Amino acid sequence: MLQDGQLIQRDTPQALIDAMQGKALVGNILRRENDVLLRIVGDTCPNGGTVVPPDPEVVYLYHFYRKSEEV
């Protein structure tokens, strides 16, 4: 996986996904009829949250969001 021209992760897609197991997963907000769904990507799960299985989008969000926090 490249970021700003630098190699930040090197593995198979499945290995990158597997490494995200147990992470809290978030990225967007979805308004539904009676509630709001908030996806979070991070190292810990907020109170009341549910950890869900990661997918390639979560791997991307996790690594690229962390980099943006360092800037």
PDB file of N, CA and C in Angstrom:
ATOM      1  N   MET A   1       0.854  -1.154   0.000  1.00  0.00           N
ATOM      2  CA  MET A   1       0.000   0.000   0.000  1.00  0.00           C
ATOM      3  C   MET A   1       0.910   1.229   0.000  1.00  0.00           C
ATOM      4  N   LEU A   2       0.647   2.125  -0.933  1.00  0.00           N
ATOM      5  CA  LEU A   2       1.435   3.347  -1.051  1.00  0.00           C
ATOM      6  C   LEU A   2       0.675   4.541  -0.504  1.00  0.00           C
ATOM      7  N   GLN A   3       1.416   5.444   0.109  1.00  0.00           N
ATOM      8  CA  GLN A   3       0.844   6.713   0.565  1.00  0.00           C
ATOM      9  C   GLN A   3       1.882   7.798   0.331  1.00  0.00           C
ATOM     10  N   ASP A   4       1.512   8.824  -0.414  1.00  0.00           N
ATOM     11  CA  ASP A   4       2.431   9.913  -0.753  1.00  0.00           C
ATOM     12  C   ASP A   4       3.719   9.386  -1.386  1.00  0.00           C
ATOM     13  N   GLY A   5       3.584   8.332  -2.209  1.00  0.00           N
ATOM     14  CA  GLY A   5       4.732   7.765  -2.888  1.00  0.00           C
ATOM     15  C   GLY A   5       5.609   6.875  -2.019  1.00  0.00           C
ATOM     16  N   GLN A   6       5.221   6.643  -0.778  1.00  0.00           N
ATOM     17  CA  GLN A   6       5.991   5.809   0.136  1.00  0.00           C
ATOM     18  C   GLN A   6       5.252   4.504   0.401  1.00  0.00           C
ATOM     19  N   LEU A   7       5.994   3.401   0.476  1.00  0.00           N
ATOM     20  CA  LEU A   7       5.406   2.111   0.805  1.00  0.00           C
ATOM     21  C   LEU A   7       5.129   2.072   2.304  1.00  0.00           C
ATOM     22  N   ILE A   8       3.838   1.983   2.691  1.00  0.00           N
ATOM     23  CA  ILE A   8       3.502   1.971   4.125  1.00  0.00           C
ATOM     24  C   ILE A   8       3.098   0.587   4.618  1.00  0.00           C
ATOM     25  N   GLN A   9       2.652  -0.294   3.729  1.00  0.00           N
ATOM     26  CA  GLN A   9       2.303  -1.666   4.074  1.00  0.00           C
ATOM     27  C   GLN A   9       2.605  -2.547   2.874  1.00  0.00           C
ATOM     28  N   ARG A  10       3.112  -3.742   3.140  1.00  0.00           N
ATOM     29  CA  ARG A  10       3.361  -4.686   2.043  1.00  0.00           C
ATOM     30  C   ARG A  10       2.900  -6.064   2.500  1.00  0.00           C
ATOM     31  N   ASP A  11       1.789  -6.489   1.934  1.00  0.00           N
ATOM     32  CA  ASP A  11       1.237  -7.792   2.268  1.00  0.00           C
ATOM     33  C   ASP A  11       0.105  -8.096   1.294  1.00  0.00           C
ATOM     34  N   THR A  12      -0.481  -9.256   1.424  1.00  0.00           N
ATOM     35  CA  THR A  12      -1.632  -9.589   0.583  1.00  0.00           C
ATOM     36  C   THR A  12      -2.840  -8.803   1.077  1.00  0.00           C
ATOM     37  N   PRO A  13      -3.821  -8.568   0.218  1.00  0.00           N
ATOM     38  CA  PRO A  13      -5.030  -7.885   0.671  1.00  0.00           C
ATOM     39  C   PRO A  13      -5.676  -8.582   1.877  1.00  0.00           C
ATOM     40  N   GLN A  14      -5.724  -9.911   1.848  1.00  0.00           N
ATOM     41  CA  GLN A  14      -6.349 -10.621   2.961  1.00  0.00           C
ATOM     42  C   GLN A  14      -5.557 -10.449   4.258  1.00  0.00           C
ATOM     43  N   ALA A  15      -4.229 -10.444   4.179  1.00  0.00           N
ATOM     44  CA  ALA A  15      -3.411 -10.241   5.380  1.00  0.00           C
ATOM     45  C   ALA A  15      -3.626  -8.847   5.959  1.00  0.00           C
ATOM     46  N   LEU A  16      -3.767  -7.845   5.090  1.00  0.00           N
ATOM     47  CA  LEU A  16      -4.041  -6.482   5.567  1.00  0.00           C
ATOM     48  C   LEU A  16      -5.399  -6.417   6.256  1.00  0.00           C
ATOM     49  N   ILE A  17      -6.382  -7.104   5.692  1.00  0.00           N
ATOM     50  CA  ILE A  17      -7.713  -7.144   6.309  1.00  0.00           C
ATOM     51  C   ILE A  17      -7.639  -7.882   7.641  1.00  0.00           C
ATOM     52  N   ASP A  18      -6.968  -9.037   7.665  1.00  0.00           N
ATOM     53  CA  ASP A  18      -6.859  -9.818   8.901  1.00  0.00           C
ATOM     54  C   ASP A  18      -6.194  -9.025  10.015  1.00  0.00           C
ATOM     55  N   ALA A  19      -5.238  -8.181   9.677  1.00  0.00           N
ATOM     56  CA  ALA A  19      -4.543  -7.376  10.684  1.00  0.00           C
ATOM     57  C   ALA A  19      -5.465  -6.351  11.330  1.00  0.00           C
ATOM     58  N   MET A  20      -6.593  -6.068  10.715  1.00  0.00           N
ATOM     59  CA  MET A  20      -7.544  -5.088  11.247  1.00  0.00           C
ATOM     60  C   MET A  20      -8.573  -5.716  12.195  1.00  0.00           C
ATOM     61  N   GLN A  21      -8.553  -7.047  12.358  1.00  0.00           N
ATOM     62  CA  GLN A  21      -9.514  -7.704  13.240  1.00  0.00           C
ATOM     63  C   GLN A  21      -9.431  -7.102  14.636  1.00  0.00           C
ATOM     64  N   GLY A  22     -10.575  -6.806  15.224  1.00  0.00           N
ATOM     65  CA  GLY A  22     -10.633  -6.256  16.568  1.00  0.00           C
ATOM     66  C   GLY A  22     -10.520  -4.752  16.644  1.00  0.00           C
ATOM     67  N   LYS A  23     -10.297  -4.106  15.526  1.00  0.00           N
ATOM     68  CA  LYS A  23     -10.244  -2.643  15.512  1.00  0.00           C
ATOM     69  C   LYS A  23     -11.673  -2.116  15.468  1.00  0.00           C
ATOM     70  N   ALA A  24     -11.879  -0.928  15.987  1.00  0.00           N
ATOM     71  CA  ALA A  24     -13.182  -0.273  15.867  1.00  0.00           C
ATOM     72  C   ALA A  24     -13.251   0.313  14.469  1.00  0.00           C
ATOM     73  N   LEU A  25     -14.354   0.121  13.808  1.00  0.00           N
ATOM     74  CA  LEU A  25     -14.417   0.480  12.402  1.00  0.00           C
ATOM     75  C   LEU A  25     -15.381   1.625  12.131  1.00  0.00           C
ATOM     76  N   VAL A  26     -14.866   2.750  11.547  1.00  0.00           N
ATOM     77  CA  VAL A  26     -15.702   3.912  11.244  1.00  0.00           C
ATOM     78  C   VAL A  26     -15.224   4.671  10.036  1.00  0.00           C
ATOM     79  N   GLY A  27     -16.078   5.398   9.419  1.00  0.00           N
ATOM     80  CA  GLY A  27     -15.700   6.190   8.269  1.00  0.00           C
ATOM     81  C   GLY A  27     -16.774   7.127   7.792  1.00  0.00           C
ATOM     82  N   ASN A  28     -18.045   6.842   8.075  1.00  0.00           N
ATOM     83  CA  ASN A  28     -19.088   7.725   7.561  1.00  0.00           C
ATOM     84  C   ASN A  28     -20.339   7.671   8.430  1.00  0.00           C
ATOM     85  N   ILE A  29     -21.275   8.553   8.127  1.00  0.00           N
ATOM     86  CA  ILE A  29     -22.538   8.640   8.859  1.00  0.00           C
ATOM     87  C   ILE A  29     -23.672   8.353   7.880  1.00  0.00           C
ATOM     88  N   LEU A  30     -24.607   7.528   8.297  1.00  0.00           N
ATOM     89  CA  LEU A  30     -25.759   7.191   7.474  1.00  0.00           C
ATOM     90  C   LEU A  30     -27.018   7.413   8.303  1.00  0.00           C
ATOM     91  N   ARG A  31     -27.853   8.359   7.885  1.00  0.00           N
ATOM     92  CA  ARG A  31     -29.134   8.580   8.560  1.00  0.00           C
ATOM     93  C   ARG A  31     -30.124   7.536   8.101  1.00  0.00           C
ATOM     94  N   ARG A  32     -30.751   6.903   9.083  1.00  0.00           N
ATOM     95  CA  ARG A  32     -31.788   5.930   8.772  1.00  0.00           C
ATOM     96  C   ARG A  32     -33.098   6.450   9.353  1.00  0.00           C
ATOM     97  N   GLU A  33     -34.170   5.727   9.150  1.00  0.00           N
ATOM     98  CA  GLU A  33     -35.490   6.218   9.564  1.00  0.00           C
ATOM     99  C   GLU A  33     -35.552   6.554  11.047  1.00  0.00           C
ATOM    100  N   ASN A  34     -35.054   5.658  11.898  1.00  0.00           N
ATOM    101  CA  ASN A  34     -35.185   5.862  13.348  1.00  0.00           C
ATOM    102  C   ASN A  34     -33.872   6.050  14.081  1.00  0.00           C
ATOM    103  N   ASP A  35     -32.762   6.073  13.367  1.00  0.00           N
ATOM    104  CA  ASP A  35     -31.479   6.233  14.037  1.00  0.00           C
ATOM    105  C   ASP A  35     -30.417   6.692  13.041  1.00  0.00           C
ATOM    106  N   VAL A  36     -29.194   6.739  13.516  1.00  0.00           N
ATOM    107  CA  VAL A  36     -28.060   7.139  12.693  1.00  0.00           C
ATOM    108  C   VAL A  36     -26.986   6.058  12.835  1.00  0.00           C
ATOM    109  N   LEU A  37     -26.420   5.628  11.724  1.00  0.00           N
ATOM    110  CA  LEU A  37     -25.331   4.659  11.727  1.00  0.00           C
ATOM    111  C   LEU A  37     -24.029   5.422  11.542  1.00  0.00           C
ATOM    112  N   LEU A  38     -23.114   5.286  12.471  1.00  0.00           N
ATOM    113  CA  LEU A  38     -21.810   5.944  12.419  1.00  0.00           C
ATOM    114  C   LEU A  38     -20.739   4.867  12.361  1.00  0.00           C
ATOM    115  N   ARG A  39     -19.967   4.858  11.293  1.00  0.00           N
ATOM    116  CA  ARG A  39     -18.851   3.916  11.182  1.00  0.00           C
ATOM    117  C   ARG A  39     -17.589   4.624  11.635  1.00  0.00           C
ATOM    118  N   ILE A  40     -16.838   3.994  12.532  1.00  0.00           N
ATOM    119  CA  ILE A  40     -15.599   4.570  13.071  1.00  0.00           C
ATOM    120  C   ILE A  40     -14.454   3.609  12.807  1.00  0.00           C
ATOM    121  N   VAL A  41     -13.316   4.139  12.375  1.00  0.00           N
ATOM    122  CA  VAL A  41     -12.116   3.314  12.198  1.00  0.00           C
ATOM    123  C   VAL A  41     -11.107   3.781  13.228  1.00  0.00           C
ATOM    124  N   GLY A  42     -10.698   2.895  14.112  1.00  0.00           N
ATOM    125  CA  GLY A  42      -9.734   3.265  15.132  1.00  0.00           C
ATOM    126  C   GLY A  42      -9.254   2.057  15.905  1.00  0.00           C
ATOM    127  N   ASP A  43      -8.420   2.304  16.897  1.00  0.00           N
ATOM    128  CA  ASP A  43      -7.858   1.216  17.692  1.00  0.00           C
ATOM    129  C   ASP A  43      -8.775   0.765  18.816  1.00  0.00           C
ATOM    130  N   THR A  44      -9.692   1.613  19.244  1.00  0.00           N
ATOM    131  CA  THR A  44     -10.608   1.255  20.322  1.00  0.00           C
ATOM    132  C   THR A  44     -12.037   1.554  19.903  1.00  0.00           C
ATOM    133  N   CYS A  45     -12.956   0.838  20.496  1.00  0.00           N
ATOM    134  CA  CYS A  45     -14.369   0.997  20.174  1.00  0.00           C
ATOM    135  C   CYS A  45     -15.030   1.889  21.222  1.00  0.00           C
ATOM    136  N   PRO A  46     -15.757   2.920  20.798  1.00  0.00           N
ATOM    137  CA  PRO A  46     -16.443   3.786  21.759  1.00  0.00           C
ATOM    138  C   PRO A  46     -17.516   3.014  22.530  1.00  0.00           C
ATOM    139  N   ASN A  47     -17.844   3.492  23.731  1.00  0.00           N
ATOM    140  CA  ASN A  47     -18.911   2.872  24.517  1.00  0.00           C
ATOM    141  C   ASN A  47     -20.184   2.795  23.685  1.00  0.00           C
ATOM    142  N   GLY A  48     -20.816   1.636  23.707  1.00  0.00           N
ATOM    143  CA  GLY A  48     -22.042   1.452  22.956  1.00  0.00           C
ATOM    144  C   GLY A  48     -21.822   1.059  21.514  1.00  0.00           C
ATOM    145  N   GLY A  49     -20.567   1.002  21.078  1.00  0.00           N
ATOM    146  CA  GLY A  49     -20.254   0.641  19.697  1.00  0.00           C
ATOM    147  C   GLY A  49     -20.161  -0.858  19.524  1.00  0.00           C
ATOM    148  N   THR A  50     -20.147  -1.280  18.288  1.00  0.00           N
ATOM    149  CA  THR A  50     -20.024  -2.686  17.933  1.00  0.00           C
ATOM    150  C   THR A  50     -18.888  -2.843  16.933  1.00  0.00           C
ATOM    151  N   VAL A  51     -17.947  -3.722  17.228  1.00  0.00           N
ATOM    152  CA  VAL A  51     -16.856  -3.997  16.297  1.00  0.00           C
ATOM    153  C   VAL A  51     -17.383  -4.940  15.224  1.00  0.00           C
ATOM    154  N   VAL A  52     -17.152  -4.584  13.971  1.00  0.00           N
ATOM    155  CA  VAL A  52     -17.608  -5.403  12.847  1.00  0.00           C
ATOM    156  C   VAL A  52     -16.395  -5.884  12.050  1.00  0.00           C
ATOM    157  N   PRO A  53     -16.548  -6.933  11.241  1.00  0.00           N
ATOM    158  CA  PRO A  53     -15.414  -7.430  10.453  1.00  0.00           C
ATOM    159  C   PRO A  53     -14.913  -6.372   9.469  1.00  0.00           C
ATOM    160  N   PRO A  54     -13.595  -6.241   9.339  1.00  0.00           N
ATOM    161  CA  PRO A  54     -13.037  -5.251   8.414  1.00  0.00           C
ATOM    162  C   PRO A  54     -13.156  -5.692   6.966  1.00  0.00           C
ATOM    163  N   ASP A  55     -13.006  -4.726   6.070  1.00  0.00           N
ATOM    164  CA  ASP A  55     -12.977  -4.974   4.639  1.00  0.00           C
ATOM    165  C   ASP A  55     -11.889  -4.076   4.046  1.00  0.00           C
ATOM    166  N   PRO A  56     -11.613  -4.166   2.743  1.00  0.00           N
ATOM    167  CA  PRO A  56     -10.540  -3.339   2.165  1.00  0.00           C
ATOM    168  C   PRO A  56     -10.725  -1.837   2.396  1.00  0.00           C
ATOM    169  N   GLU A  57     -11.950  -1.357   2.390  1.00  0.00           N
ATOM    170  CA  GLU A  57     -12.190   0.073   2.624  1.00  0.00           C
ATOM    171  C   GLU A  57     -11.725   0.479   4.019  1.00  0.00           C
ATOM    172  N   VAL A  58     -11.962  -0.361   4.996  1.00  0.00           N
ATOM    173  CA  VAL A  58     -11.564  -0.070   6.373  1.00  0.00           C
ATOM    174  C   VAL A  58     -10.043  -0.026   6.496  1.00  0.00           C
ATOM    175  N   VAL A  59      -9.345  -0.952   5.841  1.00  0.00           N
ATOM    176  CA  VAL A  59      -7.881  -0.943   5.850  1.00  0.00           C
ATOM    177  C   VAL A  59      -7.381   0.397   5.314  1.00  0.00           C
ATOM    178  N   TYR A  60      -7.936   0.824   4.193  1.00  0.00           N
ATOM    179  CA  TYR A  60      -7.556   2.098   3.585  1.00  0.00           C
ATOM    180  C   TYR A  60      -7.833   3.259   4.543  1.00  0.00           C
ATOM    181  N   LEU A  61      -9.044   3.331   5.071  1.00  0.00           N
ATOM    182  CA  LEU A  61      -9.404   4.429   5.973  1.00  0.00           C
ATOM    183  C   LEU A  61      -8.518   4.453   7.209  1.00  0.00           C
ATOM    184  N   TYR A  62      -8.237   3.300   7.772  1.00  0.00           N
ATOM    185  CA  TYR A  62      -7.424   3.221   8.982  1.00  0.00           C
ATOM    186  C   TYR A  62      -6.026   3.792   8.737  1.00  0.00           C
ATOM    187  N   HIS A  63      -5.371   3.349   7.694  1.00  0.00           N
ATOM    188  CA  HIS A  63      -4.000   3.793   7.447  1.00  0.00           C
ATOM    189  C   HIS A  63      -3.930   5.239   6.972  1.00  0.00           C
ATOM    190  N   PHE A  64      -4.841   5.675   6.133  1.00  0.00           N
ATOM    191  CA  PHE A  64      -4.781   7.028   5.601  1.00  0.00           C
ATOM    192  C   PHE A  64      -5.277   8.057   6.601  1.00  0.00           C
ATOM    193  N   TYR A  65      -6.226   7.704   7.449  1.00  0.00           N
ATOM    194  CA  TYR A  65      -6.684   8.633   8.486  1.00  0.00           C
ATOM    195  C   TYR A  65      -5.600   8.837   9.526  1.00  0.00           C
ATOM    196  N   ARG A  66      -4.928   7.776   9.910  1.00  0.00           N
ATOM    197  CA  ARG A  66      -3.840   7.902  10.900  1.00  0.00           C
ATOM    198  C   ARG A  66      -2.758   8.825  10.380  1.00  0.00           C
ATOM    199  N   LYS A  67      -2.427   8.725   9.098  1.00  0.00           N
ATOM    200  CA  LYS A  67      -1.407   9.593   8.502  1.00  0.00           C
ATOM    201  C   LYS A  67      -1.852  11.047   8.535  1.00  0.00           C
ATOM    202  N   SER A  68      -3.144  11.301   8.281  1.00  0.00           N
ATOM    203  CA  SER A  68      -3.627  12.686   8.279  1.00  0.00           C
ATOM    204  C   SER A  68      -3.586  13.295   9.675  1.00  0.00           C
ATOM    205  N   GLU A  69      -3.666  12.466  10.739  1.00  0.00           N
ATOM    206  CA  GLU A  69      -3.564  12.978  12.109  1.00  0.00           C
ATOM    207  C   GLU A  69      -2.146  13.423  12.431  1.00  0.00           C
ATOM    208  N   GLU A  70      -1.154  12.830  11.774  1.00  0.00           N
ATOM    209  CA  GLU A  70       0.235  13.153  12.057  1.00  0.00           C
ATOM    210  C   GLU A  70       0.657  14.474  11.459  1.00  0.00           C
ATOM    211  N   VAL A  71      -0.083  14.982  10.492  1.00  0.00           N
ATOM    212  CA  VAL A  71       0.273  16.212   9.787  1.00  0.00           C
ATOM    213  C   VAL A  71      -0.085  17.417  10.627  1.00  0.00           C
TER     214      VAL A  71
END
